[in-house]
Amino acid sequence: MRPSQIILLFVAVFIIAALTQLPKALVDNQEKTPQKPAPEAQTPTKHARQMPPALRLPIDALKKQWENEEIIAKKTIFADSIAKLYKKANFYDSTAFFRDWIASQDPEQEQAWLAAGDAYYEAFNFYGIIDETQARLFAEKARQYFDKILKVRPNDLDIQAKKAVTLVLSENPMQGIQQLRGILEKNPDNELALLNLGLFAMQSNQFDKAAERFEKLISVNPQQGEAKILLGQSYERLGQKDKAIRILQEVLQTEKDSLLRAAASDLLQQLNGLTKK
């Protein structure tokens, strides 16, 4: 449902938390009530959370330069720098706003489409957990850019997979699942499709199928820390606590990402508590 990449994809903690909040209709083949898309955002979101001064100060300075600059080439350079800083701060919606602006200045530049599409995709992943209305808006914007890219690169399976993931908040979410399965028929090793189909299986309590997807993904990419955490959780739900503990300990020993290690540590504490009982 979300990648990946989730993670904001895919940040593992967010992925795990999101599993319990996705609508059951996504995996039960039930019709989802159509909802009108949210109005398009015209300005960056006003954030309630605080940004570290080390990032806020340069962003504010660059935004003033961006607002006052009249030469588009220079204005684009400022916008690119602002987008990078917002991404570093995990302010995904504001990142998307500036990537979208850059793409609008050069509507024929494929790299600008990709940067904007990926930025909206990350914003969709993040807001899918906390604000479905915003997430729907970002998903629609991501699809618009992915469609532009697919007209030029129709066989790009990763872009196809990202587009399929955004359909989770469309009027036909099952279409996304079908497209992900179709991608695996073309390439059984596609990481985005494997990850997100595993997440769909977890959400529908099909933990055996989820484990198969994540095991396959790890065999394709042994460095996939998110998949290892999700596999550990799947093993736990299947009653295979020893296997869950082993895979989570592997994350603690080998993973460089501190957030993934923290997620693995938290799950291990829960598992050890269950084992002692």
C-alpha atoms as a PDB file:
ATOM      1  CA  MET A   1       0.000   0.000   0.000  1.00  0.00           C
ATOM      2  CA  ARG A   2       2.741   2.321   0.620  1.00  0.00           C
ATOM      3  CA  PRO A   3       6.162   1.705  -0.019  1.00  0.00           C
ATOM      4  CA  SER A   4       7.987   2.172   0.344  1.00  0.00           C
ATOM      5  CA  GLN A   5       9.839   3.284   0.865  1.00  0.00           C
ATOM      6  CA  ILE A   6       7.724   3.513   2.152  1.00  0.00           C
ATOM      7  CA  ILE A   7       8.846   4.252   3.833  1.00  0.00           C
ATOM      8  CA  LEU A   8       8.522   7.163   4.173  1.00  0.00           C
ATOM      9  CA  LEU A   9       8.032   4.655   3.230  1.00  0.00           C
ATOM     10  CA  PHE A  10       8.666   3.882   4.641  1.00  0.00           C
ATOM     11  CA  VAL A  11      10.207   4.767   8.237  1.00  0.00           C
ATOM     12  CA  ALA A  12       9.625   1.361   9.786  1.00  0.00           C
ATOM     13  CA  VAL A  13       7.905   2.664  12.886  1.00  0.00           C
ATOM     14  CA  PHE A  14       5.365   4.505  10.755  1.00  0.00           C
ATOM     15  CA  ILE A  15       4.802   1.487   8.547  1.00  0.00           C
ATOM     16  CA  ILE A  16       4.077  -0.777  11.484  1.00  0.00           C
ATOM     17  CA  ALA A  17       1.731   1.742  13.073  1.00  0.00           C
ATOM     18  CA  ALA A  18      -0.119   2.237   9.810  1.00  0.00           C
ATOM     19  CA  LEU A  19      -1.036  -1.413   9.422  1.00  0.00           C
ATOM     20  CA  THR A  20      -3.816  -1.198  11.980  1.00  0.00           C
ATOM     21  CA  GLN A  21      -5.314   1.951  10.433  1.00  0.00           C
ATOM     22  CA  LEU A  22      -5.801   0.991   6.795  1.00  0.00           C
ATOM     23  CA  PRO A  23      -9.416   0.415   5.727  1.00  0.00           C
ATOM     24  CA  LYS A  24     -10.397  -3.249   5.690  1.00  0.00           C
ATOM     25  CA  ALA A  25     -12.079  -2.751   2.312  1.00  0.00           C
ATOM     26  CA  LEU A  26      -8.673  -2.663   0.648  1.00  0.00           C
ATOM     27  CA  VAL A  27      -8.183  -6.380   1.037  1.00  0.00           C
ATOM     28  CA  ASP A  28     -11.740  -7.673   1.232  1.00  0.00           C
ATOM     29  CA  ASN A  29     -12.661  -6.633  -2.332  1.00  0.00           C
ATOM     30  CA  GLN A  30     -15.456  -4.467  -0.967  1.00  0.00           C
ATOM     31  CA  GLU A  31     -16.375  -1.260  -2.775  1.00  0.00           C
ATOM     32  CA  LYS A  32     -15.030   1.905  -1.261  1.00  0.00           C
ATOM     33  CA  THR A  33     -17.349   4.903  -1.074  1.00  0.00           C
ATOM     34  CA  PRO A  34     -16.121   7.475  -3.604  1.00  0.00           C
ATOM     35  CA  GLN A  35     -14.813  10.633  -2.011  1.00  0.00           C
ATOM     36  CA  LYS A  36     -14.155  13.965  -3.661  1.00  0.00           C
ATOM     37  CA  PRO A  37     -10.483  14.861  -3.920  1.00  0.00           C
ATOM     38  CA  ALA A  38      -9.228  17.567  -1.621  1.00  0.00           C
ATOM     39  CA  PRO A  39      -8.579  20.991  -3.151  1.00  0.00           C
ATOM     40  CA  GLU A  40      -5.049  21.401  -4.440  1.00  0.00           C
ATOM     41  CA  ALA A  41      -2.664  23.019  -2.011  1.00  0.00           C
ATOM     42  CA  GLN A  42      -1.211  26.311  -3.208  1.00  0.00           C
ATOM     43  CA  THR A  43       1.250  26.963  -0.399  1.00  0.00           C
ATOM     44  CA  PRO A  44       3.413  24.826   1.872  1.00  0.00           C
ATOM     45  CA  THR A  45       1.601  23.412   4.885  1.00  0.00           C
ATOM     46  CA  LYS A  46       1.812  25.337   8.159  1.00  0.00           C
ATOM     47  CA  HIS A  47       3.588  22.835  10.375  1.00  0.00           C
ATOM     48  CA  ALA A  48       2.601  22.332  13.993  1.00  0.00           C
ATOM     49  CA  ARG A  49       5.868  20.593  14.882  1.00  0.00           C
ATOM     50  CA  GLN A  50       9.067  22.504  15.390  1.00  0.00           C
ATOM     51  CA  MET A  51      12.037  22.431  13.052  1.00  0.00           C
ATOM     52  CA  PRO A  52      15.585  22.524  14.425  1.00  0.00           C
ATOM     53  CA  PRO A  53      17.075  26.035  14.167  1.00  0.00           C
ATOM     54  CA  ALA A  54      19.997  24.572  12.218  1.00  0.00           C
ATOM     55  CA  LEU A  55      17.540  23.899   9.378  1.00  0.00           C
ATOM     56  CA  ARG A  56      14.925  26.584  10.001  1.00  0.00           C
ATOM     57  CA  LEU A  57      17.359  29.513   9.725  1.00  0.00           C
ATOM     58  CA  PRO A  58      18.816  28.600   6.311  1.00  0.00           C
ATOM     59  CA  ILE A  59      15.360  27.679   4.999  1.00  0.00           C
ATOM     60  CA  ASP A  60      13.959  31.061   6.013  1.00  0.00           C
ATOM     61  CA  ALA A  61      16.900  32.845   4.412  1.00  0.00           C
ATOM     62  CA  LEU A  62      16.597  30.876   1.173  1.00  0.00           C
ATOM     63  CA  LYS A  63      12.833  31.412   1.005  1.00  0.00           C
ATOM     64  CA  LYS A  64      13.321  35.175   1.166  1.00  0.00           C
ATOM     65  CA  GLN A  65      15.809  34.954  -1.694  1.00  0.00           C
ATOM     66  CA  TRP A  66      13.439  32.700  -3.637  1.00  0.00           C
ATOM     67  CA  GLU A  67      10.516  35.091  -3.156  1.00  0.00           C
ATOM     68  CA  ASN A  68      12.517  38.153  -4.200  1.00  0.00           C
ATOM     69  CA  GLU A  69      14.411  36.638  -7.128  1.00  0.00           C
ATOM     70  CA  GLU A  70      13.009  37.420 -10.596  1.00  0.00           C
ATOM     71  CA  ILE A  71      15.384  35.376 -12.743  1.00  0.00           C
ATOM     72  CA  ILE A  72      13.809  31.930 -13.063  1.00  0.00           C
ATOM     73  CA  ALA A  73      17.121  30.061 -13.336  1.00  0.00           C
ATOM     74  CA  LYS A  74      18.326  31.497 -10.021  1.00  0.00           C
ATOM     75  CA  LYS A  75      14.895  31.121  -8.438  1.00  0.00           C
ATOM     76  CA  THR A  76      14.977  27.429  -9.382  1.00  0.00           C
ATOM     77  CA  ILE A  77      18.343  26.978  -7.674  1.00  0.00           C
ATOM     78  CA  PHE A  78      16.933  28.488  -4.484  1.00  0.00           C
ATOM     79  CA  ALA A  79      13.845  26.257  -4.704  1.00  0.00           C
ATOM     80  CA  ASP A  80      16.020  23.169  -5.137  1.00  0.00           C
ATOM     81  CA  SER A  81      18.066  24.050  -2.047  1.00  0.00           C
ATOM     82  CA  ILE A  82      14.900  24.694  -0.021  1.00  0.00           C
ATOM     83  CA  ALA A  83      13.399  21.366  -1.098  1.00  0.00           C
ATOM     84  CA  LYS A  84      16.543  19.494  -0.048  1.00  0.00           C
ATOM     85  CA  LEU A  85      16.513  21.114   3.398  1.00  0.00           C
ATOM     86  CA  TYR A  86      12.818  20.403   3.903  1.00  0.00           C
ATOM     87  CA  LYS A  87      13.419  16.777   2.962  1.00  0.00           C
ATOM     88  CA  LYS A  88      16.286  16.589   5.441  1.00  0.00           C
ATOM     89  CA  ALA A  89      13.856  17.842   8.101  1.00  0.00           C
ATOM     90  CA  ASN A  90      11.210  15.276   7.009  1.00  0.00           C
ATOM     91  CA  PHE A  91       8.766  18.045   6.060  1.00  0.00           C
ATOM     92  CA  TYR A  92       7.502  16.066   3.087  1.00  0.00           C
ATOM     93  CA  ASP A  93       4.616  18.323   2.092  1.00  0.00           C
ATOM     94  CA  SER A  94       6.811  21.413   1.818  1.00  0.00           C
ATOM     95  CA  THR A  95       9.402  19.407  -0.106  1.00  0.00           C
ATOM     96  CA  ALA A  96       6.665  18.460  -2.572  1.00  0.00           C
ATOM     97  CA  PHE A  97       5.501  22.073  -2.905  1.00  0.00           C
ATOM     98  CA  PHE A  98       8.922  23.268  -4.054  1.00  0.00           C
ATOM     99  CA  ARG A  99       9.561  20.233  -6.276  1.00  0.00           C
ATOM    100  CA  ASP A 100       6.200  20.900  -7.895  1.00  0.00           C
ATOM    101  CA  TRP A 101       7.135  24.530  -8.471  1.00  0.00           C
ATOM    102  CA  ILE A 102      10.431  23.525 -10.097  1.00  0.00           C
ATOM    103  CA  ALA A 103       8.650  21.070 -12.392  1.00  0.00           C
ATOM    104  CA  SER A 104       6.148  23.759 -13.399  1.00  0.00           C
ATOM    105  CA  GLN A 105       8.994  25.991 -14.613  1.00  0.00           C
ATOM    106  CA  ASP A 106      10.352  23.339 -16.970  1.00  0.00           C
ATOM    107  CA  PRO A 107       7.392  21.151 -17.966  1.00  0.00           C
ATOM    108  CA  GLU A 108       9.492  19.058 -20.354  1.00  0.00           C
ATOM    109  CA  GLN A 109      12.216  18.037 -17.894  1.00  0.00           C
ATOM    110  CA  GLU A 110      11.840  14.383 -16.973  1.00  0.00           C
ATOM    111  CA  GLN A 111      14.103  14.607 -13.921  1.00  0.00           C
ATOM    112  CA  ALA A 112      11.952  17.403 -12.501  1.00  0.00           C
ATOM    113  CA  TRP A 113       8.853  15.229 -12.974  1.00  0.00           C
ATOM    114  CA  LEU A 114      10.526  12.376 -11.146  1.00  0.00           C
ATOM    115  CA  ALA A 115      11.668  14.579  -8.267  1.00  0.00           C
ATOM    116  CA  ALA A 116       8.183  16.066  -7.898  1.00  0.00           C
ATOM    117  CA  GLY A 117       6.464  12.691  -8.182  1.00  0.00           C
ATOM    118  CA  ASP A 118       8.743  11.135  -5.585  1.00  0.00           C
ATOM    119  CA  ALA A 119       8.256  14.104  -3.248  1.00  0.00           C
ATOM    120  CA  TYR A 120       4.480  13.806  -3.441  1.00  0.00           C
ATOM    121  CA  TYR A 121       4.812  10.038  -3.019  1.00  0.00           C
ATOM    122  CA  GLU A 122       6.770  10.493   0.211  1.00  0.00           C
ATOM    123  CA  ALA A 123       4.213  13.030   1.440  1.00  0.00           C
ATOM    124  CA  PHE A 124       1.442  10.541   0.623  1.00  0.00           C
ATOM    125  CA  ASN A 125       3.212   7.825   2.599  1.00  0.00           C
ATOM    126  CA  PHE A 126       3.635  10.059   5.630  1.00  0.00           C
ATOM    127  CA  TYR A 127       0.165  11.608   5.645  1.00  0.00           C
ATOM    128  CA  GLY A 128      -1.524   8.263   4.968  1.00  0.00           C
ATOM    129  CA  ILE A 129      -1.079   7.607   8.682  1.00  0.00           C
ATOM    130  CA  ILE A 130      -2.203  10.947  10.102  1.00  0.00           C
ATOM    131  CA  ASP A 131      -4.420  12.740   7.564  1.00  0.00           C
ATOM    132  CA  GLU A 132      -6.203  10.773   4.844  1.00  0.00           C
ATOM    133  CA  THR A 133      -7.559  13.898   3.151  1.00  0.00           C
ATOM    134  CA  GLN A 134      -4.071  15.301   2.676  1.00  0.00           C
ATOM    135  CA  ALA A 135      -2.743  11.883   1.695  1.00  0.00           C
ATOM    136  CA  ARG A 136      -5.380  11.589  -1.035  1.00  0.00           C
ATOM    137  CA  LEU A 137      -4.311  14.935  -2.442  1.00  0.00           C
ATOM    138  CA  PHE A 138      -0.645  13.961  -2.462  1.00  0.00           C
ATOM    139  CA  ALA A 139      -1.426  10.557  -4.010  1.00  0.00           C
ATOM    140  CA  GLU A 140      -3.289  12.217  -6.863  1.00  0.00           C
ATOM    141  CA  LYS A 141      -0.452  14.652  -7.499  1.00  0.00           C
ATOM    142  CA  ALA A 142       2.112  11.826  -7.423  1.00  0.00           C
ATOM    143  CA  ARG A 143       0.072   9.860  -9.975  1.00  0.00           C
ATOM    144  CA  GLN A 144      -0.048  12.857 -12.300  1.00  0.00           C
ATOM    145  CA  TYR A 145       3.733  13.009 -12.396  1.00  0.00           C
ATOM    146  CA  PHE A 146       4.163   9.236 -12.610  1.00  0.00           C
ATOM    147  CA  ASP A 147       1.762   9.169 -15.573  1.00  0.00           C
ATOM    148  CA  LYS A 148       3.914  11.772 -17.334  1.00  0.00           C
ATOM    149  CA  ILE A 149       7.025   9.677 -16.737  1.00  0.00           C
ATOM    150  CA  LEU A 150       5.336   6.466 -17.887  1.00  0.00           C
ATOM    151  CA  LYS A 151       4.474   8.081 -21.208  1.00  0.00           C
ATOM    152  CA  VAL A 152       8.220   8.397 -21.767  1.00  0.00           C
ATOM    153  CA  ARG A 153       9.287   5.225 -19.909  1.00  0.00           C
ATOM    154  CA  PRO A 154       6.299   2.852 -20.181  1.00  0.00           C
ATOM    155  CA  ASN A 155       8.305  -0.168 -18.997  1.00  0.00           C
ATOM    156  CA  ASP A 156       9.623   1.386 -15.771  1.00  0.00           C
ATOM    157  CA  LEU A 157       8.289  -1.105 -13.218  1.00  0.00           C
ATOM    158  CA  ASP A 158       9.338   0.927 -10.185  1.00  0.00           C
ATOM    159  CA  ILE A 159       7.315   3.916 -11.366  1.00  0.00           C
ATOM    160  CA  GLN A 160       4.426   1.566 -12.140  1.00  0.00           C
ATOM    161  CA  ALA A 161       4.671   0.170  -8.608  1.00  0.00           C
ATOM    162  CA  LYS A 162       4.683   3.606  -6.990  1.00  0.00           C
ATOM    163  CA  LYS A 163       1.648   4.615  -9.013  1.00  0.00           C
ATOM    164  CA  ALA A 164      -0.110   1.396  -7.991  1.00  0.00           C
ATOM    165  CA  VAL A 165       0.601   2.108  -4.322  1.00  0.00           C
ATOM    166  CA  THR A 166      -1.036   5.541  -4.540  1.00  0.00           C
ATOM    167  CA  LEU A 167      -4.262   3.911  -5.712  1.00  0.00           C
ATOM    168  CA  VAL A 168      -4.840   2.751  -2.128  1.00  0.00           C
ATOM    169  CA  LEU A 169      -6.640   6.062  -1.540  1.00  0.00           C
ATOM    170  CA  SER A 170      -8.396   6.214  -4.892  1.00  0.00           C
ATOM    171  CA  GLU A 171     -11.966   5.246  -5.706  1.00  0.00           C
ATOM    172  CA  ASN A 172     -10.727   1.817  -6.827  1.00  0.00           C
ATOM    173  CA  PRO A 173      -8.056   0.645  -4.353  1.00  0.00           C
ATOM    174  CA  MET A 174      -8.178  -2.969  -5.563  1.00  0.00           C
ATOM    175  CA  GLN A 175      -6.809  -1.759  -8.877  1.00  0.00           C
ATOM    176  CA  GLY A 176      -3.570  -0.982  -7.078  1.00  0.00           C
ATOM    177  CA  ILE A 177      -3.267  -4.522  -5.724  1.00  0.00           C
ATOM    178  CA  GLN A 178      -3.938  -5.984  -9.161  1.00  0.00           C
ATOM    179  CA  GLN A 179      -1.299  -3.763 -10.718  1.00  0.00           C
ATOM    180  CA  LEU A 180       1.280  -4.769  -8.099  1.00  0.00           C
ATOM    181  CA  ARG A 181       0.587  -8.438  -8.815  1.00  0.00           C
ATOM    182  CA  GLY A 182       0.967  -7.741 -12.519  1.00  0.00           C
ATOM    183  CA  ILE A 183       4.355  -6.168 -11.870  1.00  0.00           C
ATOM    184  CA  LEU A 184       5.521  -9.324 -10.076  1.00  0.00           C
ATOM    185  CA  GLU A 185       4.422 -11.376 -13.075  1.00  0.00           C
ATOM    186  CA  LYS A 186       6.800  -9.292 -15.177  1.00  0.00           C
ATOM    187  CA  ASN A 187       9.564  -9.203 -12.563  1.00  0.00           C
ATOM    188  CA  PRO A 188       9.189 -11.491  -9.512  1.00  0.00           C
ATOM    189  CA  ASP A 189      12.068  -9.623  -7.824  1.00  0.00           C
ATOM    190  CA  ASN A 190      10.552  -6.125  -7.876  1.00  0.00           C
ATOM    191  CA  GLU A 191      11.165  -4.809  -4.372  1.00  0.00           C
ATOM    192  CA  LEU A 192       8.408  -2.212  -4.226  1.00  0.00           C
ATOM    193  CA  ALA A 193       5.754  -4.694  -5.316  1.00  0.00           C
ATOM    194  CA  LEU A 194       6.962  -7.353  -2.872  1.00  0.00           C
ATOM    195  CA  LEU A 195       7.075  -4.921   0.035  1.00  0.00           C
ATOM    196  CA  ASN A 196       3.652  -3.460  -0.529  1.00  0.00           C
ATOM    197  CA  LEU A 197       1.899  -6.739  -1.267  1.00  0.00           C
ATOM    198  CA  GLY A 198       3.411  -8.002   1.979  1.00  0.00           C
ATOM    199  CA  LEU A 199       1.908  -5.013   3.750  1.00  0.00           C
ATOM    200  CA  PHE A 200      -1.486  -5.695   2.187  1.00  0.00           C
ATOM    201  CA  ALA A 201      -1.274  -9.279   3.427  1.00  0.00           C
ATOM    202  CA  MET A 202      -0.433  -8.113   6.950  1.00  0.00           C
ATOM    203  CA  GLN A 203      -3.359  -5.707   6.975  1.00  0.00           C
ATOM    204  CA  SER A 204      -5.728  -8.545   6.054  1.00  0.00           C
ATOM    205  CA  ASN A 205      -4.200 -10.816   8.740  1.00  0.00           C
ATOM    206  CA  GLN A 206      -2.713 -13.140   6.108  1.00  0.00           C
ATOM    207  CA  PHE A 207       0.593 -13.320   7.920  1.00  0.00           C
ATOM    208  CA  ASP A 208       1.703 -16.496   6.156  1.00  0.00           C
ATOM    209  CA  LYS A 209       1.446 -14.742   2.785  1.00  0.00           C
ATOM    210  CA  ALA A 210       3.081 -11.644   4.227  1.00  0.00           C
ATOM    211  CA  ALA A 211       6.017 -13.704   5.488  1.00  0.00           C
ATOM    212  CA  GLU A 212       6.451 -15.242   2.024  1.00  0.00           C
ATOM    213  CA  ARG A 213       6.589 -11.792   0.423  1.00  0.00           C
ATOM    214  CA  PHE A 214       9.113 -10.448   2.925  1.00  0.00           C
ATOM    215  CA  GLU A 215      11.276 -13.597   2.778  1.00  0.00           C
ATOM    216  CA  LYS A 216      11.401 -13.246  -0.988  1.00  0.00           C
ATOM    217  CA  LEU A 217      12.244  -9.545  -0.710  1.00  0.00           C
ATOM    218  CA  ILE A 218      15.093 -10.233   1.717  1.00  0.00           C
ATOM    219  CA  SER A 219      16.458 -12.909  -0.613  1.00  0.00           C
ATOM    220  CA  VAL A 220      16.476 -10.286  -3.379  1.00  0.00           C
ATOM    221  CA  ASN A 221      17.948  -7.560  -1.162  1.00  0.00           C
ATOM    222  CA  PRO A 222      19.531  -8.819   2.089  1.00  0.00           C
ATOM    223  CA  GLN A 223      19.985  -5.198   3.226  1.00  0.00           C
ATOM    224  CA  GLN A 224      16.225  -4.514   3.318  1.00  0.00           C
ATOM    225  CA  GLY A 225      15.868  -3.590   6.985  1.00  0.00           C
ATOM    226  CA  GLU A 226      12.199  -2.591   6.734  1.00  0.00           C
ATOM    227  CA  ALA A 227      11.320  -6.004   5.325  1.00  0.00           C
ATOM    228  CA  LYS A 228      13.190  -7.745   8.146  1.00  0.00           C
ATOM    229  CA  ILE A 229      11.231  -5.847  10.783  1.00  0.00           C
ATOM    230  CA  LEU A 230       7.938  -6.589   9.063  1.00  0.00           C
ATOM    231  CA  LEU A 231       8.955 -10.230   8.659  1.00  0.00           C
ATOM    232  CA  GLY A 232       9.708 -10.391  12.369  1.00  0.00           C
ATOM    233  CA  GLN A 233       6.271  -9.035  13.140  1.00  0.00           C
ATOM    234  CA  SER A 234       4.692 -11.544  10.739  1.00  0.00           C
ATOM    235  CA  TYR A 235       6.554 -14.423  12.399  1.00  0.00           C
ATOM    236  CA  GLU A 236       5.345 -13.228  15.802  1.00  0.00           C
ATOM    237  CA  ARG A 237       1.732 -13.209  14.624  1.00  0.00           C
ATOM    238  CA  LEU A 238       2.205 -16.729  13.259  1.00  0.00           C
ATOM    239  CA  GLY A 239       3.409 -17.916  16.663  1.00  0.00           C
ATOM    240  CA  GLN A 240       6.985 -18.366  15.442  1.00  0.00           C
ATOM    241  CA  LYS A 241       8.602 -16.233  18.131  1.00  0.00           C
ATOM    242  CA  ASP A 242      12.069 -17.801  17.869  1.00  0.00           C
ATOM    243  CA  LYS A 243      12.262 -16.909  14.184  1.00  0.00           C
ATOM    244  CA  ALA A 244      10.940 -13.431  14.937  1.00  0.00           C
ATOM    245  CA  ILE A 245      13.598 -12.855  17.586  1.00  0.00           C
ATOM    246  CA  ARG A 246      16.388 -14.058  15.281  1.00  0.00           C
ATOM    247  CA  ILE A 247      15.463 -11.754  12.415  1.00  0.00           C
ATOM    248  CA  LEU A 248      15.018  -8.745  14.712  1.00  0.00           C
ATOM    249  CA  GLN A 249      18.353  -9.415  16.399  1.00  0.00           C
ATOM    250  CA  GLU A 250      19.897  -9.446  12.940  1.00  0.00           C
ATOM    251  CA  VAL A 251      18.491  -5.954  12.375  1.00  0.00           C
ATOM    252  CA  LEU A 252      20.066  -4.743  15.623  1.00  0.00           C
ATOM    253  CA  GLN A 253      23.433  -6.210  14.665  1.00  0.00           C
ATOM    254  CA  THR A 254      23.623  -5.139  11.022  1.00  0.00           C
ATOM    255  CA  GLU A 255      21.286  -2.202  10.379  1.00  0.00           C
ATOM    256  CA  LYS A 256      22.855   1.267  10.184  1.00  0.00           C
ATOM    257  CA  ASP A 257      19.575   3.200  10.331  1.00  0.00           C
ATOM    258  CA  SER A 258      18.944   4.200  13.945  1.00  0.00           C
ATOM    259  CA  LEU A 259      15.166   4.373  13.458  1.00  0.00           C
ATOM    260  CA  LEU A 260      15.040   0.809  12.180  1.00  0.00           C
ATOM    261  CA  ARG A 261      17.209  -0.375  15.051  1.00  0.00           C
ATOM    262  CA  ALA A 262      14.880   1.388  17.488  1.00  0.00           C
ATOM    263  CA  ALA A 263      11.854  -0.297  15.921  1.00  0.00           C
ATOM    264  CA  ALA A 264      13.563  -3.700  16.117  1.00  0.00           C
ATOM    265  CA  SER A 265      14.550  -3.101  19.736  1.00  0.00           C
ATOM    266  CA  ASP A 266      10.986  -2.173  20.681  1.00  0.00           C
ATOM    267  CA  LEU A 267       9.571  -5.288  19.031  1.00  0.00           C
ATOM    268  CA  LEU A 268      12.212  -7.464  20.684  1.00  0.00           C
ATOM    269  CA  GLN A 269      11.280  -6.112  24.102  1.00  0.00           C
ATOM    270  CA  GLN A 270       7.663  -7.000  23.418  1.00  0.00           C
ATOM    271  CA  LEU A 271       8.612 -10.482  22.236  1.00  0.00           C
ATOM    272  CA  ASN A 272      10.873 -11.108  25.229  1.00  0.00           C
ATOM    273  CA  GLY A 273       8.038 -10.064  27.502  1.00  0.00           C
ATOM    274  CA  LEU A 274       5.718 -12.542  25.827  1.00  0.00           C
ATOM    275  CA  THR A 275       8.353 -15.279  26.007  1.00  0.00           C
ATOM    276  CA  LYS A 276       8.801 -14.792  29.774  1.00  0.00           C
ATOM    277  CA  LYS A 277       5.074 -15.153  30.312  1.00  0.00           C
END
